Amino acid sequence: MAKNRQGQMIVKPVTESLAEAARAASGKGLPPVHLWNPPFCGDIDMRIARDGTWFYLGTPIGRAPLVRLFSTILKREGDRHFLVTPVEKVGITVDDAPFVAVDVDRSDEGGEPVLTFTTNVGDRVAAGPGHEIRVTRDPGTGEPAPYLHVRAGLEALIDRKSFYRMAEIGDTVRHEGRDWFGFRSKGLFFPAIPAEELT
């Protein structure tokens, strides 16, 4: 630990030390957080809101590159989320999903539609095997909440405008003995809502 000119200990902010460790470990591509199992160092006052905003000590983190960096060392274990480096693991709070899918594009590969999503932290993910879409419904209002599996148990909430665009290109398909409205991508069908509820 460093000292200043008065001989006082200088303690780096938690965010700075995590960012430095993430930069050092990342190299090219995503860091291999699935291989890291450091000791748990406690929870920190960091929260990801439902709209994808990251907060530290109650204040939004305004630096997009820093948020992107933190997103690469995010790990889910059970129902909890952690920021993980090779030497430490700290717990954070996630209100809903840690990411938000803010855009979707449709293309075709070999005659099959492909839905490719862009998240608020810059990931591009094509829905398909290993990257499934699921839709939950609010038990009170019935309002749908669509999610995309991004990686290693981490999901993105698909934002409203993207979901509306998906609804324009969705299909009704016989699925498990029932007609469902849903979405095709990379050879898979992802059911969203029973077809009879659309009328």
N, C-alpha and C. Protein backbone atom coordinates (compact mmCIF):
# COMPACT_ATOMS: atom_id res chain seq x y z
N MET A 1 0.85 -1.19 0.00
CA MET A 1 0.00 0.00 0.00
C MET A 1 0.88 1.24 0.00
N ALA A 2 0.58 2.20 -0.83
CA ALA A 2 1.41 3.39 -0.98
C ALA A 2 1.15 4.39 0.14
N LYS A 3 2.14 5.32 0.30
CA LYS A 3 1.99 6.40 1.28
C LYS A 3 2.16 7.73 0.57
N ASN A 4 1.50 8.77 1.11
CA ASN A 4 1.69 10.10 0.55
C ASN A 4 2.87 10.78 1.23
N ARG A 5 3.12 12.07 0.91
CA ARG A 5 4.30 12.77 1.44
C ARG A 5 4.25 12.93 2.95
N GLN A 6 3.06 12.92 3.52
CA GLN A 6 2.93 13.05 4.97
C GLN A 6 3.03 11.70 5.67
N GLY A 7 3.29 10.65 4.92
CA GLY A 7 3.44 9.32 5.51
C GLY A 7 2.11 8.62 5.78
N GLN A 8 1.01 9.21 5.28
CA GLN A 8 -0.30 8.58 5.49
C GLN A 8 -0.53 7.51 4.43
N MET A 9 -1.21 6.45 4.84
CA MET A 9 -1.51 5.37 3.91
C MET A 9 -2.54 5.83 2.88
N ILE A 10 -2.31 5.47 1.63
CA ILE A 10 -3.26 5.80 0.57
C ILE A 10 -4.02 4.53 0.21
N VAL A 11 -5.31 4.56 0.40
CA VAL A 11 -6.15 3.41 0.08
C VAL A 11 -6.88 3.70 -1.22
N LYS A 12 -6.67 2.85 -2.21
CA LYS A 12 -7.33 3.03 -3.50
C LYS A 12 -8.81 2.74 -3.36
N PRO A 13 -9.65 3.49 -4.06
CA PRO A 13 -11.08 3.15 -4.06
C PRO A 13 -11.28 1.72 -4.59
N VAL A 14 -12.29 1.07 -4.07
CA VAL A 14 -12.57 -0.30 -4.49
C VAL A 14 -12.73 -0.39 -6.00
N THR A 15 -13.43 0.58 -6.57
CA THR A 15 -13.66 0.54 -8.01
C THR A 15 -12.36 0.60 -8.80
N GLU A 16 -11.42 1.40 -8.31
CA GLU A 16 -10.14 1.54 -9.02
C GLU A 16 -9.33 0.26 -8.96
N SER A 17 -9.29 -0.37 -7.78
CA SER A 17 -8.51 -1.61 -7.67
C SER A 17 -9.14 -2.73 -8.48
N LEU A 18 -10.47 -2.80 -8.51
CA LEU A 18 -11.14 -3.80 -9.34
C LEU A 18 -10.88 -3.56 -10.81
N ALA A 19 -10.93 -2.29 -11.21
CA ALA A 19 -10.72 -1.95 -12.61
C ALA A 19 -9.30 -2.31 -13.04
N GLU A 20 -8.33 -2.03 -12.19
CA GLU A 20 -6.94 -2.36 -12.52
C GLU A 20 -6.77 -3.87 -12.68
N ALA A 21 -7.35 -4.63 -11.75
CA ALA A 21 -7.24 -6.09 -11.83
C ALA A 21 -7.94 -6.63 -13.07
N ALA A 22 -9.08 -6.04 -13.42
CA ALA A 22 -9.82 -6.49 -14.60
C ALA A 22 -9.03 -6.20 -15.87
N ARG A 23 -8.42 -5.00 -15.94
CA ARG A 23 -7.61 -4.66 -17.11
C ARG A 23 -6.44 -5.62 -17.26
N ALA A 24 -5.78 -5.91 -16.15
CA ALA A 24 -4.61 -6.79 -16.18
C ALA A 24 -4.98 -8.20 -16.62
N ALA A 25 -6.18 -8.66 -16.25
CA ALA A 25 -6.58 -10.05 -16.52
C ALA A 25 -7.28 -10.23 -17.86
N SER A 26 -7.77 -9.13 -18.43
CA SER A 26 -8.63 -9.28 -19.60
C SER A 26 -7.89 -9.68 -20.86
N GLY A 27 -6.76 -9.02 -21.14
CA GLY A 27 -6.06 -9.33 -22.39
C GLY A 27 -7.00 -9.08 -23.57
N LYS A 28 -7.16 -10.09 -24.41
CA LYS A 28 -8.08 -9.97 -25.54
C LYS A 28 -9.35 -10.74 -25.21
N GLY A 29 -10.48 -10.12 -25.47
CA GLY A 29 -11.75 -10.80 -25.21
C GLY A 29 -12.14 -10.73 -23.75
N LEU A 30 -13.09 -11.58 -23.38
CA LEU A 30 -13.61 -11.59 -22.02
C LEU A 30 -12.65 -12.33 -21.09
N PRO A 31 -12.46 -11.82 -19.86
CA PRO A 31 -11.63 -12.54 -18.90
C PRO A 31 -12.26 -13.89 -18.55
N PRO A 32 -11.46 -14.89 -18.21
CA PRO A 32 -11.99 -16.22 -17.90
C PRO A 32 -12.50 -16.31 -16.46
N VAL A 33 -13.55 -15.53 -16.14
CA VAL A 33 -14.04 -15.48 -14.76
C VAL A 33 -14.51 -16.86 -14.27
N HIS A 34 -14.92 -17.73 -15.20
CA HIS A 34 -15.40 -19.06 -14.80
C HIS A 34 -14.26 -19.91 -14.22
N LEU A 35 -13.03 -19.50 -14.47
CA LEU A 35 -11.89 -20.24 -13.95
C LEU A 35 -11.38 -19.68 -12.62
N TRP A 36 -11.90 -18.52 -12.24
CA TRP A 36 -11.41 -17.86 -11.04
C TRP A 36 -12.27 -18.20 -9.83
N ASN A 37 -11.64 -18.55 -8.74
CA ASN A 37 -12.36 -18.85 -7.51
C ASN A 37 -11.61 -18.23 -6.31
N PRO A 38 -11.51 -16.89 -6.30
CA PRO A 38 -10.79 -16.23 -5.23
C PRO A 38 -11.61 -16.18 -3.94
N PRO A 39 -11.01 -15.80 -2.84
CA PRO A 39 -11.78 -15.68 -1.59
C PRO A 39 -12.80 -14.55 -1.67
N PHE A 40 -13.92 -14.74 -0.99
CA PHE A 40 -14.97 -13.71 -0.93
C PHE A 40 -14.51 -12.61 0.02
N CYS A 41 -14.54 -11.38 -0.47
CA CYS A 41 -14.05 -10.24 0.31
C CYS A 41 -15.17 -9.37 0.86
N GLY A 42 -16.42 -9.82 0.77
CA GLY A 42 -17.54 -9.05 1.28
C GLY A 42 -18.31 -8.35 0.18
N ASP A 43 -19.38 -7.68 0.57
CA ASP A 43 -20.22 -6.94 -0.36
C ASP A 43 -19.76 -5.50 -0.46
N ILE A 44 -19.93 -4.90 -1.62
CA ILE A 44 -19.68 -3.47 -1.77
C ILE A 44 -20.97 -2.79 -2.18
N ASP A 45 -21.00 -1.48 -2.00
CA ASP A 45 -22.21 -0.70 -2.30
C ASP A 45 -22.24 -0.36 -3.79
N MET A 46 -22.44 -1.41 -4.59
CA MET A 46 -22.58 -1.24 -6.03
C MET A 46 -23.88 -1.92 -6.44
N ARG A 47 -24.65 -1.23 -7.30
CA ARG A 47 -25.95 -1.76 -7.69
C ARG A 47 -26.17 -1.53 -9.18
N ILE A 48 -26.78 -2.54 -9.82
CA ILE A 48 -27.21 -2.39 -11.21
C ILE A 48 -28.72 -2.28 -11.20
N ALA A 49 -29.24 -1.14 -11.62
CA ALA A 49 -30.68 -0.91 -11.64
C ALA A 49 -31.32 -1.66 -12.81
N ARG A 50 -32.64 -1.75 -12.79
CA ARG A 50 -33.36 -2.49 -13.83
C ARG A 50 -33.15 -1.91 -15.21
N ASP A 51 -32.89 -0.60 -15.29
CA ASP A 51 -32.66 0.02 -16.60
C ASP A 51 -31.21 -0.10 -17.06
N GLY A 52 -30.38 -0.84 -16.31
CA GLY A 52 -29.00 -1.07 -16.70
C GLY A 52 -28.01 -0.07 -16.16
N THR A 53 -28.47 0.94 -15.41
CA THR A 53 -27.56 1.92 -14.83
C THR A 53 -26.79 1.30 -13.66
N TRP A 54 -25.49 1.50 -13.64
CA TRP A 54 -24.63 1.03 -12.55
C TRP A 54 -24.44 2.18 -11.56
N PHE A 55 -24.58 1.87 -10.27
CA PHE A 55 -24.40 2.85 -9.21
C PHE A 55 -23.29 2.38 -8.27
N TYR A 56 -22.49 3.33 -7.79
CA TYR A 56 -21.51 3.04 -6.74
C TYR A 56 -21.69 4.08 -5.65
N LEU A 57 -21.91 3.62 -4.43
CA LEU A 57 -22.18 4.49 -3.28
C LEU A 57 -23.37 5.42 -3.58
N GLY A 58 -24.36 4.88 -4.30
CA GLY A 58 -25.57 5.63 -4.59
C GLY A 58 -25.48 6.59 -5.75
N THR A 59 -24.32 6.70 -6.38
CA THR A 59 -24.12 7.63 -7.48
C THR A 59 -23.94 6.86 -8.78
N PRO A 60 -24.61 7.28 -9.87
CA PRO A 60 -24.42 6.57 -11.15
C PRO A 60 -22.97 6.63 -11.60
N ILE A 61 -22.49 5.52 -12.14
CA ILE A 61 -21.15 5.49 -12.72
C ILE A 61 -21.28 6.01 -14.15
N GLY A 62 -20.77 7.20 -14.37
CA GLY A 62 -20.98 7.86 -15.66
C GLY A 62 -19.99 7.49 -16.74
N ARG A 63 -18.94 6.79 -16.39
CA ARG A 63 -17.91 6.45 -17.38
C ARG A 63 -18.25 5.11 -18.03
N ALA A 64 -18.72 5.19 -19.28
CA ALA A 64 -19.14 3.97 -19.99
C ALA A 64 -18.01 2.94 -20.10
N PRO A 65 -16.76 3.33 -20.37
CA PRO A 65 -15.70 2.31 -20.45
C PRO A 65 -15.49 1.58 -19.13
N LEU A 66 -15.69 2.27 -18.01
CA LEU A 66 -15.54 1.63 -16.70
C LEU A 66 -16.67 0.62 -16.46
N VAL A 67 -17.88 1.01 -16.82
CA VAL A 67 -19.01 0.08 -16.70
C VAL A 67 -18.79 -1.14 -17.58
N ARG A 68 -18.32 -0.92 -18.79
CA ARG A 68 -18.03 -2.04 -19.69
C ARG A 68 -16.98 -2.96 -19.07
N LEU A 69 -15.95 -2.38 -18.48
CA LEU A 69 -14.90 -3.17 -17.86
C LEU A 69 -15.46 -4.01 -16.71
N PHE A 70 -16.25 -3.38 -15.85
CA PHE A 70 -16.86 -4.13 -14.74
C PHE A 70 -17.76 -5.25 -15.26
N SER A 71 -18.46 -4.99 -16.35
CA SER A 71 -19.38 -6.01 -16.88
C SER A 71 -18.65 -7.27 -17.32
N THR A 72 -17.36 -7.13 -17.66
CA THR A 72 -16.60 -8.29 -18.12
C THR A 72 -16.13 -9.18 -16.98
N ILE A 73 -16.17 -8.67 -15.74
CA ILE A 73 -15.74 -9.49 -14.60
C ILE A 73 -16.93 -9.83 -13.70
N LEU A 74 -18.13 -9.71 -14.26
CA LEU A 74 -19.34 -10.05 -13.53
C LEU A 74 -19.57 -11.56 -13.57
N LYS A 75 -19.94 -12.11 -12.43
CA LYS A 75 -20.16 -13.55 -12.32
C LYS A 75 -21.41 -13.80 -11.48
N ARG A 76 -22.17 -14.80 -11.89
CA ARG A 76 -23.37 -15.17 -11.13
C ARG A 76 -23.15 -16.53 -10.48
N GLU A 77 -23.49 -16.60 -9.21
CA GLU A 77 -23.46 -17.86 -8.46
C GLU A 77 -24.80 -17.98 -7.74
N GLY A 78 -25.63 -18.92 -8.18
CA GLY A 78 -26.97 -19.02 -7.61
C GLY A 78 -27.76 -17.77 -7.96
N ASP A 79 -28.32 -17.12 -6.94
CA ASP A 79 -29.09 -15.90 -7.16
C ASP A 79 -28.28 -14.65 -6.90
N ARG A 80 -26.98 -14.80 -6.64
CA ARG A 80 -26.15 -13.65 -6.31
C ARG A 80 -25.20 -13.31 -7.45
N HIS A 81 -24.81 -12.03 -7.48
CA HIS A 81 -23.88 -11.53 -8.49
C HIS A 81 -22.64 -10.99 -7.81
N PHE A 82 -21.50 -11.20 -8.47
CA PHE A 82 -20.22 -10.79 -7.92
C PHE A 82 -19.36 -10.17 -9.01
N LEU A 83 -18.47 -9.27 -8.59
CA LEU A 83 -17.36 -8.86 -9.43
C LEU A 83 -16.17 -9.69 -8.99
N VAL A 84 -15.51 -10.33 -9.96
CA VAL A 84 -14.47 -11.31 -9.63
C VAL A 84 -13.19 -10.98 -10.39
N THR A 85 -12.09 -11.03 -9.69
CA THR A 85 -10.77 -10.95 -10.29
C THR A 85 -10.02 -12.21 -9.84
N PRO A 86 -8.80 -12.42 -10.33
CA PRO A 86 -8.07 -13.61 -9.87
C PRO A 86 -7.80 -13.64 -8.37
N VAL A 87 -7.88 -12.47 -7.69
CA VAL A 87 -7.50 -12.43 -6.28
C VAL A 87 -8.62 -12.02 -5.33
N GLU A 88 -9.75 -11.55 -5.85
CA GLU A 88 -10.83 -11.15 -4.93
C GLU A 88 -12.20 -11.31 -5.59
N LYS A 89 -13.20 -11.44 -4.73
CA LYS A 89 -14.59 -11.55 -5.17
C LYS A 89 -15.44 -10.71 -4.24
N VAL A 90 -16.20 -9.77 -4.81
CA VAL A 90 -17.06 -8.91 -4.01
C VAL A 90 -18.49 -8.99 -4.51
N GLY A 91 -19.43 -8.98 -3.58
CA GLY A 91 -20.84 -9.06 -3.93
C GLY A 91 -21.41 -7.71 -4.29
N ILE A 92 -22.29 -7.69 -5.28
CA ILE A 92 -23.01 -6.48 -5.66
C ILE A 92 -24.50 -6.80 -5.75
N THR A 93 -25.31 -5.76 -5.86
CA THR A 93 -26.76 -5.91 -5.95
C THR A 93 -27.20 -5.71 -7.40
N VAL A 94 -28.04 -6.62 -7.88
CA VAL A 94 -28.61 -6.50 -9.22
C VAL A 94 -30.13 -6.53 -9.08
N ASP A 95 -30.78 -5.43 -9.47
CA ASP A 95 -32.23 -5.32 -9.27
C ASP A 95 -33.02 -6.32 -10.10
N ASP A 96 -32.58 -6.58 -11.32
CA ASP A 96 -33.29 -7.51 -12.21
C ASP A 96 -32.24 -8.32 -12.97
N ALA A 97 -32.02 -7.99 -14.22
CA ALA A 97 -30.94 -8.61 -14.99
C ALA A 97 -29.76 -7.64 -15.02
N PRO A 98 -28.54 -8.14 -15.09
CA PRO A 98 -27.40 -7.22 -15.07
C PRO A 98 -27.21 -6.41 -16.35
N PHE A 99 -27.78 -6.89 -17.46
CA PHE A 99 -27.63 -6.20 -18.73
C PHE A 99 -29.01 -5.84 -19.29
N VAL A 100 -29.02 -4.92 -20.26
CA VAL A 100 -30.24 -4.57 -20.99
C VAL A 100 -29.93 -4.69 -22.48
N ALA A 101 -30.76 -5.43 -23.21
CA ALA A 101 -30.64 -5.49 -24.66
C ALA A 101 -31.34 -4.26 -25.22
N VAL A 102 -30.55 -3.38 -25.85
CA VAL A 102 -31.08 -2.09 -26.28
C VAL A 102 -31.33 -2.01 -27.78
N ASP A 103 -30.99 -3.07 -28.50
CA ASP A 103 -31.24 -3.08 -29.94
C ASP A 103 -31.28 -4.52 -30.43
N VAL A 104 -31.99 -4.74 -31.54
CA VAL A 104 -32.07 -6.07 -32.14
C VAL A 104 -32.09 -5.92 -33.66
N ASP A 105 -31.36 -6.80 -34.32
CA ASP A 105 -31.33 -6.84 -35.78
C ASP A 105 -31.75 -8.23 -36.22
N ARG A 106 -32.46 -8.30 -37.36
CA ARG A 106 -32.82 -9.59 -37.93
C ARG A 106 -32.05 -9.79 -39.22
N SER A 107 -31.46 -10.97 -39.36
CA SER A 107 -30.77 -11.33 -40.60
C SER A 107 -31.15 -12.77 -40.91
N ASP A 108 -30.58 -13.31 -41.97
CA ASP A 108 -30.85 -14.69 -42.36
C ASP A 108 -29.53 -15.42 -42.58
N GLU A 109 -29.50 -16.67 -42.11
CA GLU A 109 -28.35 -17.55 -42.34
C GLU A 109 -28.88 -18.89 -42.82
N GLY A 110 -28.58 -19.22 -44.07
CA GLY A 110 -29.03 -20.49 -44.60
C GLY A 110 -30.53 -20.65 -44.59
N GLY A 111 -31.25 -19.56 -44.82
CA GLY A 111 -32.71 -19.60 -44.83
C GLY A 111 -33.35 -19.54 -43.46
N GLU A 112 -32.54 -19.45 -42.41
CA GLU A 112 -33.07 -19.35 -41.04
C GLU A 112 -32.91 -17.93 -40.52
N PRO A 113 -33.94 -17.39 -39.85
CA PRO A 113 -33.79 -16.06 -39.26
C PRO A 113 -32.82 -16.09 -38.08
N VAL A 114 -32.11 -14.99 -37.91
CA VAL A 114 -31.20 -14.81 -36.78
C VAL A 114 -31.49 -13.45 -36.14
N LEU A 115 -31.78 -13.46 -34.84
CA LEU A 115 -31.98 -12.23 -34.09
C LEU A 115 -30.70 -11.93 -33.31
N THR A 116 -30.07 -10.81 -33.62
CA THR A 116 -28.83 -10.43 -32.95
C THR A 116 -29.08 -9.18 -32.11
N PHE A 117 -28.75 -9.28 -30.83
CA PHE A 117 -29.00 -8.22 -29.87
C PHE A 117 -27.71 -7.50 -29.51
N THR A 118 -27.85 -6.22 -29.22
CA THR A 118 -26.75 -5.42 -28.69
C THR A 118 -27.14 -4.98 -27.28
N THR A 119 -26.25 -5.18 -26.33
CA THR A 119 -26.56 -4.81 -24.94
C THR A 119 -26.04 -3.42 -24.62
N ASN A 120 -26.46 -2.91 -23.48
CA ASN A 120 -26.03 -1.59 -23.04
C ASN A 120 -24.54 -1.51 -22.72
N VAL A 121 -23.88 -2.66 -22.59
CA VAL A 121 -22.44 -2.64 -22.33
C VAL A 121 -21.64 -3.09 -23.55
N GLY A 122 -22.30 -3.18 -24.71
CA GLY A 122 -21.58 -3.42 -25.95
C GLY A 122 -21.47 -4.86 -26.41
N ASP A 123 -22.06 -5.81 -25.70
CA ASP A 123 -22.06 -7.19 -26.16
C ASP A 123 -22.99 -7.33 -27.35
N ARG A 124 -22.61 -8.17 -28.32
CA ARG A 124 -23.51 -8.54 -29.42
C ARG A 124 -23.74 -10.04 -29.33
N VAL A 125 -25.01 -10.42 -29.22
CA VAL A 125 -25.36 -11.82 -28.96
C VAL A 125 -26.47 -12.24 -29.91
N ALA A 126 -26.24 -13.33 -30.64
CA ALA A 126 -27.27 -13.89 -31.51
C ALA A 126 -28.06 -14.92 -30.73
N ALA A 127 -29.38 -14.75 -30.66
CA ALA A 127 -30.23 -15.71 -29.97
C ALA A 127 -30.15 -17.06 -30.67
N GLY A 128 -30.11 -18.12 -29.88
CA GLY A 128 -30.00 -19.47 -30.43
C GLY A 128 -29.51 -20.41 -29.36
N PRO A 129 -28.95 -21.54 -29.73
CA PRO A 129 -28.45 -22.49 -28.73
C PRO A 129 -27.43 -21.84 -27.80
N GLY A 130 -27.69 -21.92 -26.50
CA GLY A 130 -26.82 -21.29 -25.51
C GLY A 130 -27.13 -19.84 -25.24
N HIS A 131 -27.97 -19.25 -26.08
CA HIS A 131 -28.36 -17.84 -25.91
C HIS A 131 -29.87 -17.74 -26.11
N GLU A 132 -30.59 -18.37 -25.19
CA GLU A 132 -32.03 -18.50 -25.32
C GLU A 132 -32.76 -17.21 -24.91
N ILE A 133 -33.95 -17.06 -25.49
CA ILE A 133 -34.86 -15.99 -25.08
C ILE A 133 -35.93 -16.63 -24.20
N ARG A 134 -36.23 -15.99 -23.09
CA ARG A 134 -37.35 -16.44 -22.26
C ARG A 134 -38.22 -15.22 -21.94
N VAL A 135 -39.50 -15.49 -21.77
CA VAL A 135 -40.45 -14.41 -21.48
C VAL A 135 -41.21 -14.79 -20.23
N THR A 136 -41.15 -13.92 -19.21
CA THR A 136 -41.95 -14.11 -18.00
C THR A 136 -43.13 -13.15 -18.07
N ARG A 137 -44.13 -13.43 -17.24
CA ARG A 137 -45.32 -12.57 -17.22
C ARG A 137 -45.56 -12.10 -15.79
N ASP A 138 -45.87 -10.82 -15.65
CA ASP A 138 -46.23 -10.30 -14.34
C ASP A 138 -47.54 -10.95 -13.90
N PRO A 139 -47.56 -11.61 -12.72
CA PRO A 139 -48.77 -12.32 -12.31
C PRO A 139 -49.98 -11.42 -12.12
N GLY A 140 -49.75 -10.15 -11.84
CA GLY A 140 -50.87 -9.23 -11.63
C GLY A 140 -51.38 -8.61 -12.90
N THR A 141 -50.47 -8.09 -13.72
CA THR A 141 -50.86 -7.36 -14.92
C THR A 141 -50.79 -8.19 -16.19
N GLY A 142 -50.03 -9.29 -16.15
CA GLY A 142 -49.84 -10.11 -17.35
C GLY A 142 -48.81 -9.53 -18.30
N GLU A 143 -48.20 -8.39 -17.94
CA GLU A 143 -47.22 -7.75 -18.82
C GLU A 143 -46.00 -8.64 -19.00
N PRO A 144 -45.54 -8.82 -20.25
CA PRO A 144 -44.39 -9.68 -20.48
C PRO A 144 -43.08 -8.98 -20.15
N ALA A 145 -42.11 -9.78 -19.70
CA ALA A 145 -40.74 -9.31 -19.48
C ALA A 145 -39.82 -10.29 -20.20
N PRO A 146 -39.25 -9.89 -21.33
CA PRO A 146 -38.40 -10.80 -22.12
C PRO A 146 -36.92 -10.68 -21.73
N TYR A 147 -36.24 -11.81 -21.71
CA TYR A 147 -34.83 -11.85 -21.35
C TYR A 147 -34.05 -12.66 -22.38
N LEU A 148 -32.78 -12.32 -22.52
CA LEU A 148 -31.86 -13.05 -23.38
C LEU A 148 -30.69 -13.53 -22.53
N HIS A 149 -30.36 -14.82 -22.65
CA HIS A 149 -29.18 -15.34 -21.95
C HIS A 149 -27.93 -14.86 -22.69
N VAL A 150 -27.08 -14.12 -22.01
CA VAL A 150 -25.88 -13.54 -22.63
C VAL A 150 -24.70 -14.49 -22.46
N ARG A 151 -24.40 -14.84 -21.21
CA ARG A 151 -23.29 -15.76 -20.94
C ARG A 151 -23.31 -16.19 -19.49
N ALA A 152 -22.97 -17.44 -19.26
CA ALA A 152 -22.72 -17.97 -17.90
C ALA A 152 -23.77 -17.57 -16.88
N GLY A 153 -25.04 -17.71 -17.24
CA GLY A 153 -26.12 -17.39 -16.30
C GLY A 153 -26.47 -15.92 -16.21
N LEU A 154 -25.80 -15.08 -16.97
CA LEU A 154 -26.07 -13.64 -16.97
C LEU A 154 -27.04 -13.32 -18.10
N GLU A 155 -28.10 -12.60 -17.76
CA GLU A 155 -29.13 -12.29 -18.74
C GLU A 155 -29.22 -10.80 -19.02
N ALA A 156 -29.84 -10.48 -20.15
CA ALA A 156 -30.18 -9.10 -20.50
C ALA A 156 -31.69 -8.99 -20.57
N LEU A 157 -32.24 -7.98 -19.93
CA LEU A 157 -33.64 -7.64 -20.10
C LEU A 157 -33.78 -6.97 -21.46
N ILE A 158 -34.65 -7.48 -22.32
CA ILE A 158 -34.85 -6.90 -23.64
C ILE A 158 -35.74 -5.67 -23.50
N ASP A 159 -35.24 -4.51 -23.91
CA ASP A 159 -36.00 -3.28 -23.69
C ASP A 159 -37.27 -3.24 -24.54
N ARG A 160 -38.14 -2.33 -24.18
CA ARG A 160 -39.49 -2.29 -24.77
C ARG A 160 -39.47 -2.09 -26.28
N LYS A 161 -38.65 -1.16 -26.77
CA LYS A 161 -38.64 -0.88 -28.21
C LYS A 161 -38.14 -2.10 -28.99
N SER A 162 -37.16 -2.81 -28.45
CA SER A 162 -36.66 -4.00 -29.13
C SER A 162 -37.70 -5.10 -29.12
N PHE A 163 -38.42 -5.23 -28.01
CA PHE A 163 -39.46 -6.26 -27.92
C PHE A 163 -40.59 -5.97 -28.90
N TYR A 164 -40.94 -4.69 -29.05
CA TYR A 164 -41.97 -4.33 -30.03
C TYR A 164 -41.52 -4.68 -31.45
N ARG A 165 -40.25 -4.44 -31.75
CA ARG A 165 -39.73 -4.80 -33.07
C ARG A 165 -39.77 -6.30 -33.27
N MET A 166 -39.45 -7.05 -32.23
CA MET A 166 -39.52 -8.51 -32.32
C MET A 166 -40.95 -8.97 -32.57
N ALA A 167 -41.91 -8.31 -31.90
CA ALA A 167 -43.32 -8.70 -32.06
C ALA A 167 -43.79 -8.55 -33.50
N GLU A 168 -43.20 -7.59 -34.23
CA GLU A 168 -43.59 -7.36 -35.62
C GLU A 168 -43.13 -8.50 -36.53
N ILE A 169 -42.11 -9.24 -36.12
CA ILE A 169 -41.57 -10.31 -36.98
C ILE A 169 -41.74 -11.68 -36.35
N GLY A 170 -42.54 -11.76 -35.29
CA GLY A 170 -42.75 -13.05 -34.62
C GLY A 170 -43.65 -13.98 -35.44
N ASP A 171 -43.73 -15.23 -35.00
CA ASP A 171 -44.53 -16.25 -35.67
C ASP A 171 -45.42 -16.97 -34.65
N THR A 172 -46.49 -17.53 -35.15
CA THR A 172 -47.31 -18.43 -34.34
C THR A 172 -46.97 -19.86 -34.75
N VAL A 173 -46.59 -20.66 -33.77
CA VAL A 173 -46.07 -22.00 -34.02
C VAL A 173 -46.72 -22.97 -33.04
N ARG A 174 -46.97 -24.19 -33.52
CA ARG A 174 -47.43 -25.25 -32.63
C ARG A 174 -46.26 -25.70 -31.78
N HIS A 175 -46.39 -25.55 -30.49
CA HIS A 175 -45.28 -25.82 -29.58
C HIS A 175 -45.80 -26.57 -28.36
N GLU A 176 -45.32 -27.80 -28.18
CA GLU A 176 -45.71 -28.63 -27.03
C GLU A 176 -47.24 -28.73 -26.93
N GLY A 177 -47.87 -29.00 -28.08
CA GLY A 177 -49.31 -29.24 -28.11
C GLY A 177 -50.19 -28.02 -28.03
N ARG A 178 -49.59 -26.83 -28.19
CA ARG A 178 -50.36 -25.59 -28.07
C ARG A 178 -49.81 -24.57 -29.05
N ASP A 179 -50.67 -23.70 -29.57
CA ASP A 179 -50.21 -22.64 -30.46
C ASP A 179 -49.64 -21.49 -29.64
N TRP A 180 -48.40 -21.14 -29.98
CA TRP A 180 -47.71 -20.07 -29.27
C TRP A 180 -47.24 -19.02 -30.26
N PHE A 181 -47.29 -17.76 -29.83
CA PHE A 181 -46.63 -16.70 -30.56
C PHE A 181 -45.24 -16.55 -29.96
N GLY A 182 -44.22 -16.48 -30.83
CA GLY A 182 -42.87 -16.36 -30.33
C GLY A 182 -41.90 -15.98 -31.43
N PHE A 183 -40.65 -16.33 -31.23
CA PHE A 183 -39.59 -15.83 -32.08
C PHE A 183 -38.67 -16.96 -32.51
N ARG A 184 -38.26 -16.91 -33.78
CA ARG A 184 -37.33 -17.90 -34.32
C ARG A 184 -35.95 -17.25 -34.44
N SER A 185 -34.94 -18.03 -34.11
CA SER A 185 -33.57 -17.56 -34.31
C SER A 185 -32.63 -18.75 -34.27
N LYS A 186 -31.79 -18.86 -35.28
CA LYS A 186 -30.79 -19.92 -35.37
C LYS A 186 -31.39 -21.31 -35.20
N GLY A 187 -32.54 -21.53 -35.80
CA GLY A 187 -33.16 -22.84 -35.80
C GLY A 187 -33.97 -23.18 -34.58
N LEU A 188 -34.05 -22.29 -33.61
CA LEU A 188 -34.85 -22.53 -32.41
C LEU A 188 -36.07 -21.62 -32.41
N PHE A 189 -37.12 -22.08 -31.71
CA PHE A 189 -38.31 -21.28 -31.51
C PHE A 189 -38.44 -20.97 -30.04
N PHE A 190 -38.62 -19.69 -29.71
CA PHE A 190 -38.74 -19.25 -28.33
C PHE A 190 -40.15 -18.75 -28.08
N PRO A 191 -41.00 -19.53 -27.37
CA PRO A 191 -42.38 -19.12 -27.14
C PRO A 191 -42.46 -17.90 -26.23
N ALA A 192 -43.39 -17.01 -26.54
CA ALA A 192 -43.56 -15.80 -25.74
C ALA A 192 -44.92 -15.73 -25.06
N ILE A 193 -45.99 -16.02 -25.82
CA ILE A 193 -47.34 -15.87 -25.28
C ILE A 193 -48.26 -16.84 -26.01
N PRO A 194 -49.19 -17.51 -25.31
CA PRO A 194 -50.14 -18.36 -26.00
C PRO A 194 -50.91 -17.59 -27.08
N ALA A 195 -51.04 -18.21 -28.24
CA ALA A 195 -51.63 -17.51 -29.38
C ALA A 195 -53.04 -17.03 -29.10
N GLU A 196 -53.81 -17.79 -28.31
CA GLU A 196 -55.19 -17.36 -28.07
C GLU A 196 -55.27 -16.07 -27.27
N GLU A 197 -54.20 -15.71 -26.59
CA GLU A 197 -54.22 -14.45 -25.80
C GLU A 197 -53.95 -13.23 -26.68
N LEU A 198 -53.62 -13.45 -27.93
CA LEU A 198 -53.36 -12.33 -28.84
C LEU A 198 -54.65 -11.79 -29.44
N THR A 199 -55.72 -12.57 -29.39
CA THR A 199 -56.96 -12.13 -30.04
C THR A 199 -57.84 -11.38 -29.08
